[in-house]
C-alpha atoms as a PDB file:
ATOM      1  CA  UNK A   1     -30.810 -25.966 -14.557  1.00  0.00           C
ATOM      2  CA  UNK A   2     -33.679 -27.495 -12.428  1.00  0.00           C
ATOM      3  CA  UNK A   3     -36.504 -25.235 -12.956  1.00  0.00           C
ATOM      4  CA  UNK A   4     -35.333 -21.799 -11.685  1.00  0.00           C
ATOM      5  CA  UNK A   5     -32.351 -23.572  -9.701  1.00  0.00           C
ATOM      6  CA  UNK A   6     -28.862 -23.551 -11.178  1.00  0.00           C
ATOM      7  CA  UNK A   7     -25.227 -24.112 -10.091  1.00  0.00           C
ATOM      8  CA  UNK A   8     -21.965 -22.617 -10.938  1.00  0.00           C
ATOM      9  CA  UNK A   9     -18.846 -24.712 -10.189  1.00  0.00           C
ATOM     10  CA  UNK A  10     -15.208 -23.850  -9.916  1.00  0.00           C
ATOM     11  CA  UNK A  11     -12.236 -26.476  -9.420  1.00  0.00           C
ATOM     12  CA  UNK A  12      -8.509 -26.279  -9.169  1.00  0.00           C
ATOM     13  CA  UNK A  13      -6.427 -29.421  -9.117  1.00  0.00           C
ATOM     14  CA  UNK A  14      -3.296 -29.944  -7.046  1.00  0.00           C
ATOM     15  CA  UNK A  15      -1.829 -27.959  -4.169  1.00  0.00           C
ATOM     16  CA  UNK A  16      -2.484 -24.398  -4.353  1.00  0.00           C
ATOM     17  CA  UNK A  17       0.596 -21.947  -4.104  1.00  0.00           C
ATOM     18  CA  UNK A  18      -1.309 -18.639  -4.259  1.00  0.00           C
ATOM     19  CA  UNK A  19      -4.746 -17.121  -3.848  1.00  0.00           C
ATOM     20  CA  UNK A  20      -7.371 -17.441  -6.488  1.00  0.00           C
ATOM     21  CA  UNK A  21     -10.118 -15.324  -7.649  1.00  0.00           C
ATOM     22  CA  UNK A  22     -13.051 -16.440  -9.778  1.00  0.00           C
ATOM     23  CA  UNK A  23     -15.388 -13.766 -11.340  1.00  0.00           C
ATOM     24  CA  UNK A  24     -18.350 -14.054 -13.533  1.00  0.00           C
ATOM     25  CA  UNK A  25     -21.769 -12.225 -14.054  1.00  0.00           C
ATOM     26  CA  UNK A  26     -25.267 -13.352 -14.854  1.00  0.00           C
ATOM     27  CA  UNK A  27     -27.550 -12.030 -17.599  1.00  0.00           C
ATOM     28  CA  UNK A  28     -30.587 -12.035 -15.191  1.00  0.00           C
ATOM     29  CA  UNK A  29     -31.444 -11.309 -11.574  1.00  0.00           C
ATOM     30  CA  UNK A  30     -30.635 -14.376  -9.194  1.00  0.00           C
ATOM     31  CA  UNK A  31     -30.457 -15.118  -5.493  1.00  0.00           C
ATOM     32  CA  UNK A  32     -27.454 -17.050  -4.028  1.00  0.00           C
ATOM     33  CA  UNK A  33     -28.957 -19.693  -1.939  1.00  0.00           C
ATOM     34  CA  UNK A  34     -26.101 -22.349  -1.531  1.00  0.00           C
ATOM     35  CA  UNK A  35     -22.399 -22.455  -1.186  1.00  0.00           C
ATOM     36  CA  UNK A  36     -20.268 -25.510  -0.897  1.00  0.00           C
ATOM     37  CA  UNK A  37     -16.418 -25.224  -0.635  1.00  0.00           C
ATOM     38  CA  UNK A  38     -14.005 -27.985   0.090  1.00  0.00           C
ATOM     39  CA  UNK A  39     -10.218 -29.106  -0.313  1.00  0.00           C
ATOM     40  CA  UNK A  40      -9.077 -32.662  -0.494  1.00  0.00           C
ATOM     41  CA  UNK A  41      -6.716 -32.016   2.514  1.00  0.00           C
ATOM     42  CA  UNK A  42      -7.032 -30.765   6.079  1.00  0.00           C
ATOM     43  CA  UNK A  43      -6.311 -26.991   5.169  1.00  0.00           C
ATOM     44  CA  UNK A  44      -6.724 -23.462   6.329  1.00  0.00           C
ATOM     45  CA  UNK A  45      -8.329 -21.935   3.320  1.00  0.00           C
ATOM     46  CA  UNK A  46     -10.711 -19.038   3.760  1.00  0.00           C
ATOM     47  CA  UNK A  47     -13.413 -17.883   1.087  1.00  0.00           C
ATOM     48  CA  UNK A  48     -15.074 -14.601   0.481  1.00  0.00           C
ATOM     49  CA  UNK A  49     -17.882 -14.057  -1.910  1.00  0.00           C
ATOM     50  CA  UNK A  50     -19.305 -10.813  -2.946  1.00  0.00           C
ATOM     51  CA  UNK A  51     -19.351  -8.379  -5.916  1.00  0.00           C
ATOM     52  CA  UNK A  52     -16.408  -6.413  -7.539  1.00  0.00           C
ATOM     53  CA  UNK A  53     -17.345  -3.503  -5.444  1.00  0.00           C
ATOM     54  CA  UNK A  54     -17.874  -5.336  -1.960  1.00  0.00           C
ATOM     55  CA  UNK A  55     -15.598  -8.386  -1.755  1.00  0.00           C
ATOM     56  CA  UNK A  56     -17.323  -9.823   1.389  1.00  0.00           C
ATOM     57  CA  UNK A  57     -20.939  -8.789   0.790  1.00  0.00           C
ATOM     58  CA  UNK A  58     -22.415 -12.338   0.546  1.00  0.00           C
ATOM     59  CA  UNK A  59     -20.196 -14.664   2.328  1.00  0.00           C
ATOM     60  CA  UNK A  60     -17.244 -13.522   4.693  1.00  0.00           C
ATOM     61  CA  UNK A  61     -14.436 -15.853   5.957  1.00  0.00           C
ATOM     62  CA  UNK A  62     -15.907 -19.197   5.243  1.00  0.00           C
ATOM     63  CA  UNK A  63     -13.547 -21.909   6.420  1.00  0.00           C
ATOM     64  CA  UNK A  64     -13.084 -24.364   3.408  1.00  0.00           C
ATOM     65  CA  UNK A  65     -14.152 -27.700   4.134  1.00  0.00           C
ATOM     66  CA  UNK A  66     -11.426 -30.315   5.016  1.00  0.00           C
ATOM     67  CA  UNK A  67     -10.510 -33.785   3.606  1.00  0.00           C
ATOM     68  CA  UNK A  68     -13.485 -34.093   1.189  1.00  0.00           C
ATOM     69  CA  UNK A  69     -16.053 -32.928   3.610  1.00  0.00           C
ATOM     70  CA  UNK A  70     -17.452 -29.589   2.209  1.00  0.00           C
ATOM     71  CA  UNK A  71     -18.241 -26.536   4.354  1.00  0.00           C
ATOM     72  CA  UNK A  72     -21.891 -25.518   3.250  1.00  0.00           C
ATOM     73  CA  UNK A  73     -23.861 -22.468   3.603  1.00  0.00           C
ATOM     74  CA  UNK A  74     -27.640 -22.983   2.808  1.00  0.00           C
ATOM     75  CA  UNK A  75     -29.686 -21.038   5.335  1.00  0.00           C
ATOM     76  CA  UNK A  76     -30.406 -17.432   4.839  1.00  0.00           C
ATOM     77  CA  UNK A  77     -29.076 -16.511   8.245  1.00  0.00           C
ATOM     78  CA  UNK A  78     -25.695 -17.966   7.321  1.00  0.00           C
ATOM     79  CA  UNK A  79     -25.081 -15.168   4.625  1.00  0.00           C
ATOM     80  CA  UNK A  80     -23.973 -11.719   5.366  1.00  0.00           C
ATOM     81  CA  UNK A  81     -26.983  -9.566   6.326  1.00  0.00           C
ATOM     82  CA  UNK A  82     -28.925 -12.570   7.316  1.00  0.00           C
ATOM     83  CA  UNK A  83     -30.671 -12.991   3.735  1.00  0.00           C
ATOM     84  CA  UNK A  84     -30.200 -15.008   0.578  1.00  0.00           C
ATOM     85  CA  UNK A  85     -28.176 -12.370  -1.337  1.00  0.00           C
ATOM     86  CA  UNK A  86     -30.100 -10.867  -4.282  1.00  0.00           C
ATOM     87  CA  UNK A  87     -27.924 -10.201  -7.095  1.00  0.00           C
ATOM     88  CA  UNK A  88     -29.046  -7.945  -9.938  1.00  0.00           C
ATOM     89  CA  UNK A  89     -28.280  -8.794 -13.677  1.00  0.00           C
ATOM     90  CA  UNK A  90     -24.851  -7.667 -14.789  1.00  0.00           C
ATOM     91  CA  UNK A  91     -23.330  -7.648 -11.374  1.00  0.00           C
ATOM     92  CA  UNK A  92     -19.788  -9.006 -11.345  1.00  0.00           C
ATOM     93  CA  UNK A  93     -19.789 -11.737  -8.681  1.00  0.00           C
ATOM     94  CA  UNK A  94     -16.464 -12.209  -7.064  1.00  0.00           C
ATOM     95  CA  UNK A  95     -15.047 -15.189  -5.266  1.00  0.00           C
ATOM     96  CA  UNK A  96     -11.720 -14.943  -3.529  1.00  0.00           C
ATOM     97  CA  UNK A  97      -9.837 -17.924  -1.965  1.00  0.00           C
ATOM     98  CA  UNK A  98      -7.168 -17.233   0.524  1.00  0.00           C
ATOM     99  CA  UNK A  99      -5.517 -20.462  -0.078  1.00  0.00           C
ATOM    100  CA  UNK A 100      -3.666 -20.925   3.244  1.00  0.00           C
ATOM    101  CA  UNK A 101      -5.586 -18.630   5.571  1.00  0.00           C
ATOM    102  CA  UNK A 102      -3.156 -16.719   7.671  1.00  0.00           C
ATOM    103  CA  UNK A 103      -0.038 -18.751   6.588  1.00  0.00           C
ATOM    104  CA  UNK A 104      -1.427 -22.207   7.516  1.00  0.00           C
ATOM    105  CA  UNK A 105      -1.768 -25.289   5.344  1.00  0.00           C
ATOM    106  CA  UNK A 106      -2.631 -24.739   1.573  1.00  0.00           C
ATOM    107  CA  UNK A 107      -5.621 -26.077   0.061  1.00  0.00           C
ATOM    108  CA  UNK A 108      -5.344 -29.041  -2.346  1.00  0.00           C
ATOM    109  CA  UNK A 109      -7.905 -29.968  -5.054  1.00  0.00           C
ATOM    110  CA  UNK A 110     -10.354 -27.021  -4.153  1.00  0.00           C
ATOM    111  CA  UNK A 111     -13.981 -27.143  -5.353  1.00  0.00           C
ATOM    112  CA  UNK A 112     -16.523 -24.433  -5.060  1.00  0.00           C
ATOM    113  CA  UNK A 113     -20.206 -25.026  -6.023  1.00  0.00           C
ATOM    114  CA  UNK A 114     -22.601 -21.933  -5.901  1.00  0.00           C
ATOM    115  CA  UNK A 115     -26.303 -22.629  -6.062  1.00  0.00           C
ATOM    116  CA  UNK A 116     -28.715 -19.825  -7.468  1.00  0.00           C
ATOM    117  CA  UNK A 117     -32.386 -19.312  -7.976  1.00  0.00           C
ATOM    118  CA  UNK A 118     -33.287 -17.167 -11.010  1.00  0.00           C
ATOM    119  CA  UNK A 119     -35.262 -14.067 -10.490  1.00  0.00           C
END
């Protein structure tokens, strides 16, 4: 944690053969201010980030970065609702990776990094 900024990371090694979901919750209020998602190959992966009750509330249909170059969201206007999402303590944060988009090339070596500010 750097001041009130911290990251949460998720990684899957190898070629994916199914969709992946990653859920967690924080014990304090936070704002999502940064998303970085990448595969090691040219891929058709699509990422959604939201809550357990609204799957696309924060990020909708983010094309995963290709060949080691991450797709990045770091401006408030790039998130759904054009603001940095404020997430209340105890909210289940849900990420869902469609590993091959609409039947395209599967993601390999997927890495996701989420950046938050506390409060």
